[in-house]
N, C-alpha and C. Protein backbone atom coordinates (compact mmCIF):
# COMPACT_ATOMS: atom_id res chain seq x y z
N UNK A 1 35.44 97.71 78.84
CA UNK A 1 36.20 98.48 79.81
C UNK A 1 37.10 99.43 79.04
N UNK A 2 37.10 100.73 79.38
CA UNK A 2 37.93 101.67 78.65
C UNK A 2 39.41 101.44 78.94
N UNK A 3 40.23 101.76 77.96
CA UNK A 3 41.67 101.67 78.14
C UNK A 3 42.16 103.02 78.64
N UNK A 4 42.84 103.00 79.76
CA UNK A 4 43.29 104.24 80.40
C UNK A 4 44.80 104.33 80.34
N UNK A 5 45.32 105.53 80.24
CA UNK A 5 46.76 105.72 80.27
C UNK A 5 47.05 107.14 80.74
N UNK A 6 48.11 107.28 81.46
CA UNK A 6 48.62 108.60 81.78
C UNK A 6 50.13 108.53 81.70
N UNK A 7 50.76 109.65 81.45
CA UNK A 7 52.22 109.67 81.32
C UNK A 7 52.81 110.47 82.46
N UNK A 8 53.86 109.95 83.03
CA UNK A 8 54.59 110.66 84.07
C UNK A 8 56.02 110.15 84.04
N UNK A 9 56.97 111.00 84.42
CA UNK A 9 58.36 110.53 84.39
C UNK A 9 58.57 109.37 85.36
N UNK A 10 59.30 108.39 84.91
CA UNK A 10 59.65 107.24 85.74
C UNK A 10 61.16 107.13 85.71
N UNK A 11 61.84 107.15 86.88
CA UNK A 11 63.30 107.08 86.87
C UNK A 11 63.79 105.73 86.39
N UNK A 12 64.51 105.74 85.28
CA UNK A 12 65.12 104.52 84.75
C UNK A 12 66.13 104.92 83.69
N UNK A 13 66.54 103.97 82.87
CA UNK A 13 67.59 104.22 81.89
C UNK A 13 67.10 104.95 80.64
N UNK A 14 65.83 105.30 80.55
CA UNK A 14 65.27 105.95 79.37
C UNK A 14 65.11 107.44 79.61
N UNK A 15 66.16 108.10 80.08
CA UNK A 15 66.10 109.52 80.41
C UNK A 15 65.73 110.33 79.18
N UNK A 16 64.86 111.30 79.35
CA UNK A 16 64.42 112.14 78.26
C UNK A 16 63.18 111.63 77.57
N UNK A 17 62.86 110.36 77.72
CA UNK A 17 61.65 109.78 77.13
C UNK A 17 60.53 109.84 78.15
N UNK A 18 59.32 110.09 77.68
CA UNK A 18 58.15 110.02 78.57
C UNK A 18 57.45 108.71 78.30
N UNK A 19 57.35 107.84 79.30
CA UNK A 19 56.76 106.52 79.07
C UNK A 19 55.24 106.57 79.06
N UNK A 20 54.67 105.53 78.54
CA UNK A 20 53.25 105.26 78.74
C UNK A 20 53.19 104.38 79.97
N UNK A 21 52.39 104.75 80.94
CA UNK A 21 52.23 103.95 82.15
C UNK A 21 50.99 103.09 81.96
N UNK A 22 51.16 101.78 81.96
CA UNK A 22 50.02 100.89 81.81
C UNK A 22 49.29 100.79 83.14
N UNK A 23 48.01 101.05 83.12
CA UNK A 23 47.18 101.03 84.32
C UNK A 23 46.70 99.61 84.59
N UNK A 24 46.65 99.25 85.87
CA UNK A 24 46.11 97.95 86.25
C UNK A 24 44.60 97.99 86.07
N UNK A 25 44.08 96.99 85.38
CA UNK A 25 42.65 96.89 85.14
C UNK A 25 41.94 96.59 86.46
N UNK A 26 40.84 97.27 86.70
CA UNK A 26 40.09 97.09 87.95
C UNK A 26 39.02 96.02 87.79
N UNK A 27 38.75 95.30 88.87
CA UNK A 27 37.66 94.34 88.87
C UNK A 27 36.34 95.09 88.76
N UNK A 28 35.37 94.56 88.02
CA UNK A 28 34.09 95.25 87.89
C UNK A 28 33.32 95.36 89.20
N UNK A 29 33.51 94.41 90.11
CA UNK A 29 32.83 94.45 91.41
C UNK A 29 33.86 94.78 92.49
N UNK A 30 33.85 96.03 92.97
CA UNK A 30 34.86 96.39 93.96
C UNK A 30 34.67 95.65 95.28
N UNK A 31 35.76 95.33 95.91
CA UNK A 31 35.74 94.70 97.23
C UNK A 31 35.50 95.81 98.26
N UNK A 32 34.68 95.53 99.25
CA UNK A 32 34.26 96.56 100.21
C UNK A 32 35.37 96.98 101.18
N UNK A 33 36.34 96.09 101.40
CA UNK A 33 37.37 96.43 102.38
C UNK A 33 38.49 97.24 101.71
N UNK A 34 39.14 98.13 102.47
CA UNK A 34 40.25 98.90 101.89
C UNK A 34 41.44 98.00 101.58
N UNK A 35 42.18 98.36 100.54
CA UNK A 35 43.35 97.58 100.16
C UNK A 35 44.57 98.51 100.08
N UNK A 36 45.73 97.92 100.30
CA UNK A 36 46.97 98.69 100.18
C UNK A 36 47.20 99.04 98.71
N UNK A 37 47.79 100.17 98.43
CA UNK A 37 48.08 100.52 97.04
C UNK A 37 49.05 99.54 96.42
N UNK A 38 48.88 99.30 95.14
CA UNK A 38 49.76 98.39 94.41
C UNK A 38 51.10 99.07 94.17
N UNK A 39 52.19 98.36 94.42
CA UNK A 39 53.53 98.92 94.20
C UNK A 39 53.99 98.75 92.76
N UNK A 40 53.28 97.97 91.97
CA UNK A 40 53.70 97.70 90.60
C UNK A 40 53.48 98.91 89.69
N UNK A 41 54.49 99.21 88.90
CA UNK A 41 54.39 100.20 87.84
C UNK A 41 54.92 99.54 86.58
N UNK A 42 54.16 99.62 85.50
CA UNK A 42 54.62 99.10 84.22
C UNK A 42 54.74 100.30 83.27
N UNK A 43 55.98 100.62 82.91
CA UNK A 43 56.24 101.72 81.97
C UNK A 43 56.51 101.11 80.61
N UNK A 44 55.96 101.73 79.58
CA UNK A 44 56.08 101.22 78.21
C UNK A 44 56.68 102.30 77.33
N UNK A 45 57.74 101.95 76.60
CA UNK A 45 58.40 102.86 75.67
C UNK A 45 58.34 102.26 74.27
N UNK A 46 58.17 103.10 73.26
CA UNK A 46 58.20 102.63 71.87
C UNK A 46 59.09 103.58 71.08
N UNK A 47 60.09 103.03 70.41
CA UNK A 47 61.06 103.87 69.69
C UNK A 47 60.89 103.84 68.18
N UNK A 48 59.81 103.29 67.69
CA UNK A 48 59.59 103.21 66.26
C UNK A 48 59.71 101.79 65.73
N UNK A 49 60.36 100.91 66.46
CA UNK A 49 60.49 99.50 66.07
C UNK A 49 60.46 98.56 67.26
N UNK A 50 60.98 99.02 68.40
CA UNK A 50 61.11 98.17 69.58
C UNK A 50 60.26 98.75 70.71
N UNK A 51 59.47 97.89 71.35
CA UNK A 51 58.71 98.28 72.53
C UNK A 51 59.45 97.74 73.75
N UNK A 52 59.65 98.61 74.74
CA UNK A 52 60.33 98.24 75.97
C UNK A 52 59.33 98.37 77.11
N UNK A 53 59.19 97.31 77.90
CA UNK A 53 58.34 97.31 79.09
C UNK A 53 59.23 97.22 80.31
N UNK A 54 59.06 98.14 81.25
CA UNK A 54 59.84 98.16 82.48
C UNK A 54 58.91 97.91 83.67
N UNK A 55 59.30 96.97 84.52
CA UNK A 55 58.50 96.57 85.67
C UNK A 55 59.23 96.90 86.96
N UNK A 56 58.49 97.27 88.00
CA UNK A 56 59.06 97.45 89.34
C UNK A 56 59.20 96.10 90.01
N UNK A 57 58.21 95.23 89.81
CA UNK A 57 58.18 93.90 90.41
C UNK A 57 57.92 92.89 89.29
N UNK A 58 58.64 91.78 89.32
CA UNK A 58 58.43 90.73 88.30
C UNK A 58 57.00 90.20 88.40
N UNK A 59 56.40 89.98 87.24
CA UNK A 59 55.05 89.41 87.15
C UNK A 59 55.07 88.00 86.57
N UNK A 60 56.27 87.41 86.40
CA UNK A 60 56.39 86.09 85.80
C UNK A 60 56.18 86.16 84.30
N UNK A 61 55.70 85.09 83.70
CA UNK A 61 55.40 85.10 82.27
C UNK A 61 54.16 85.94 82.02
N UNK A 62 54.09 86.54 80.84
CA UNK A 62 52.95 87.40 80.52
C UNK A 62 52.64 87.33 79.04
N UNK A 63 51.40 87.68 78.71
CA UNK A 63 50.95 87.76 77.33
C UNK A 63 50.71 89.23 77.01
N UNK A 64 51.44 89.75 76.03
CA UNK A 64 51.28 91.13 75.57
C UNK A 64 50.48 91.09 74.28
N UNK A 65 49.38 91.83 74.24
CA UNK A 65 48.55 91.91 73.05
C UNK A 65 48.48 93.35 72.57
N UNK A 66 48.85 93.57 71.31
CA UNK A 66 48.76 94.89 70.68
C UNK A 66 47.66 94.82 69.64
N UNK A 67 46.70 95.74 69.73
CA UNK A 67 45.56 95.76 68.81
C UNK A 67 45.49 97.12 68.14
N UNK A 68 45.43 97.13 66.79
CA UNK A 68 45.38 98.40 66.07
C UNK A 68 43.93 98.84 65.86
N UNK A 69 43.77 99.96 65.15
CA UNK A 69 42.44 100.54 64.93
C UNK A 69 41.53 99.63 64.10
N UNK A 70 42.12 98.75 63.29
CA UNK A 70 41.34 97.82 62.46
C UNK A 70 41.04 96.51 63.19
N UNK A 71 41.28 96.48 64.49
CA UNK A 71 41.05 95.30 65.34
C UNK A 71 41.95 94.12 64.99
N UNK A 72 43.09 94.40 64.38
CA UNK A 72 44.10 93.37 64.10
C UNK A 72 45.00 93.26 65.32
N UNK A 73 45.10 92.06 65.88
CA UNK A 73 45.88 91.86 67.11
C UNK A 73 47.14 91.05 66.84
N UNK A 74 48.18 91.40 67.58
CA UNK A 74 49.41 90.63 67.59
C UNK A 74 49.72 90.31 69.04
N UNK A 75 50.07 89.05 69.31
CA UNK A 75 50.30 88.60 70.67
C UNK A 75 51.75 88.15 70.84
N UNK A 76 52.34 88.52 71.96
CA UNK A 76 53.71 88.14 72.30
C UNK A 76 53.71 87.51 73.69
N UNK A 77 54.50 86.46 73.89
CA UNK A 77 54.70 85.89 75.22
C UNK A 77 56.04 86.40 75.72
N UNK A 78 56.03 86.97 76.93
CA UNK A 78 57.25 87.56 77.48
C UNK A 78 57.50 87.05 78.89
N UNK A 79 58.75 87.18 79.32
CA UNK A 79 59.16 86.83 80.68
C UNK A 79 59.58 88.11 81.37
N UNK A 80 58.88 88.49 82.43
CA UNK A 80 59.14 89.76 83.10
C UNK A 80 60.17 89.67 84.22
N UNK A 81 60.82 88.50 84.37
CA UNK A 81 61.75 88.32 85.49
C UNK A 81 62.96 89.24 85.40
N UNK A 82 63.30 89.75 84.20
CA UNK A 82 64.44 90.66 84.07
C UNK A 82 64.06 92.10 84.40
N UNK A 83 62.79 92.39 84.60
CA UNK A 83 62.23 93.69 84.93
C UNK A 83 62.26 94.68 83.77
N UNK A 84 63.01 94.40 82.71
CA UNK A 84 62.98 95.21 81.49
C UNK A 84 62.96 94.27 80.30
N UNK A 85 61.90 94.37 79.50
CA UNK A 85 61.70 93.46 78.38
C UNK A 85 61.64 94.28 77.10
N UNK A 86 62.42 93.87 76.09
CA UNK A 86 62.40 94.52 74.78
C UNK A 86 61.78 93.56 73.76
N UNK A 87 60.79 94.08 73.00
CA UNK A 87 60.11 93.28 72.01
C UNK A 87 60.17 94.01 70.67
N UNK A 88 60.66 93.33 69.64
CA UNK A 88 60.69 93.91 68.29
C UNK A 88 59.28 93.83 67.71
N UNK A 89 58.54 94.93 67.75
CA UNK A 89 57.15 94.94 67.29
C UNK A 89 57.03 95.54 65.89
N UNK A 90 58.10 96.11 65.38
CA UNK A 90 58.06 96.70 64.04
C UNK A 90 57.42 98.07 64.05
N UNK A 91 57.05 98.52 62.85
CA UNK A 91 56.48 99.84 62.66
C UNK A 91 54.99 99.82 63.02
N UNK A 92 54.61 100.60 64.01
CA UNK A 92 53.21 100.70 64.43
C UNK A 92 52.67 102.06 64.00
N UNK A 93 51.41 102.10 63.59
CA UNK A 93 50.78 103.36 63.16
C UNK A 93 49.40 103.49 63.77
N UNK A 94 49.00 104.74 64.02
CA UNK A 94 47.66 105.01 64.52
C UNK A 94 47.56 104.83 66.02
N UNK A 95 46.40 104.36 66.44
CA UNK A 95 46.13 104.14 67.87
C UNK A 95 46.27 102.65 68.15
N UNK A 96 47.15 102.31 69.07
CA UNK A 96 47.42 100.92 69.41
C UNK A 96 46.98 100.68 70.85
N UNK A 97 46.06 99.74 71.04
CA UNK A 97 45.63 99.33 72.38
C UNK A 97 46.62 98.28 72.89
N UNK A 98 47.06 98.45 74.13
CA UNK A 98 48.02 97.55 74.74
C UNK A 98 47.34 96.83 75.90
N UNK A 99 47.44 95.51 75.94
CA UNK A 99 46.95 94.74 77.08
C UNK A 99 48.04 93.75 77.48
N UNK A 100 48.32 93.71 78.76
CA UNK A 100 49.33 92.81 79.30
C UNK A 100 48.68 91.97 80.39
N UNK A 101 48.57 90.67 80.16
CA UNK A 101 47.98 89.75 81.14
C UNK A 101 49.10 88.91 81.72
N UNK A 102 49.26 88.96 83.04
CA UNK A 102 50.41 88.33 83.67
C UNK A 102 50.07 87.01 84.34
N UNK A 103 51.11 86.24 84.59
CA UNK A 103 51.00 84.95 85.27
C UNK A 103 50.40 85.12 86.67
N UNK A 104 50.61 86.26 87.28
CA UNK A 104 50.07 86.53 88.62
C UNK A 104 48.59 86.88 88.59
N UNK A 105 48.01 86.93 87.38
CA UNK A 105 46.58 87.22 87.27
C UNK A 105 46.26 88.69 87.11
N UNK A 106 47.26 89.52 86.99
CA UNK A 106 47.02 90.96 86.80
C UNK A 106 46.87 91.28 85.31
N UNK A 107 46.06 92.28 85.02
CA UNK A 107 45.89 92.76 83.66
C UNK A 107 46.18 94.25 83.66
N UNK A 108 47.09 94.66 82.77
CA UNK A 108 47.45 96.07 82.63
C UNK A 108 47.06 96.50 81.23
N UNK A 109 46.54 97.74 81.11
CA UNK A 109 46.08 98.24 79.82
C UNK A 109 46.61 99.64 79.59
N UNK A 110 46.71 100.00 78.33
CA UNK A 110 47.14 101.35 77.94
C UNK A 110 46.90 101.57 76.47
N UNK A 111 47.16 102.79 76.02
CA UNK A 111 46.98 103.16 74.62
C UNK A 111 48.22 103.88 74.15
N UNK A 112 48.72 103.49 72.99
CA UNK A 112 49.86 104.13 72.34
C UNK A 112 49.36 104.89 71.14
N UNK A 113 49.64 106.20 71.08
CA UNK A 113 49.28 107.02 69.93
C UNK A 113 50.53 107.25 69.10
N UNK A 114 50.55 106.69 67.88
CA UNK A 114 51.74 106.78 67.03
C UNK A 114 51.41 107.67 65.84
């Protein structure tokens, strides 16, 4: 499944920064009935050492996986109940694939170009 990302301004405390918006991963077999749009938005910021994830709705505990171009992965367990989570990820270089799997069963994906 391709990793998708688009950037758009999200009103929050990171004024002047353009976030990476993590897209919700779609099921491979679409359900035939119409569904209401998801209200969840996950914005991701990286300042060179710390990654900040901002949520509209808490997703409970989650597993954040960062994978670099050499397929080396680092996994973090986070609690999204505060709606803003800061993780010290250190210096990242190149293209970083981001996957966030939540306790609610949602999977969000994105790509960070450093």
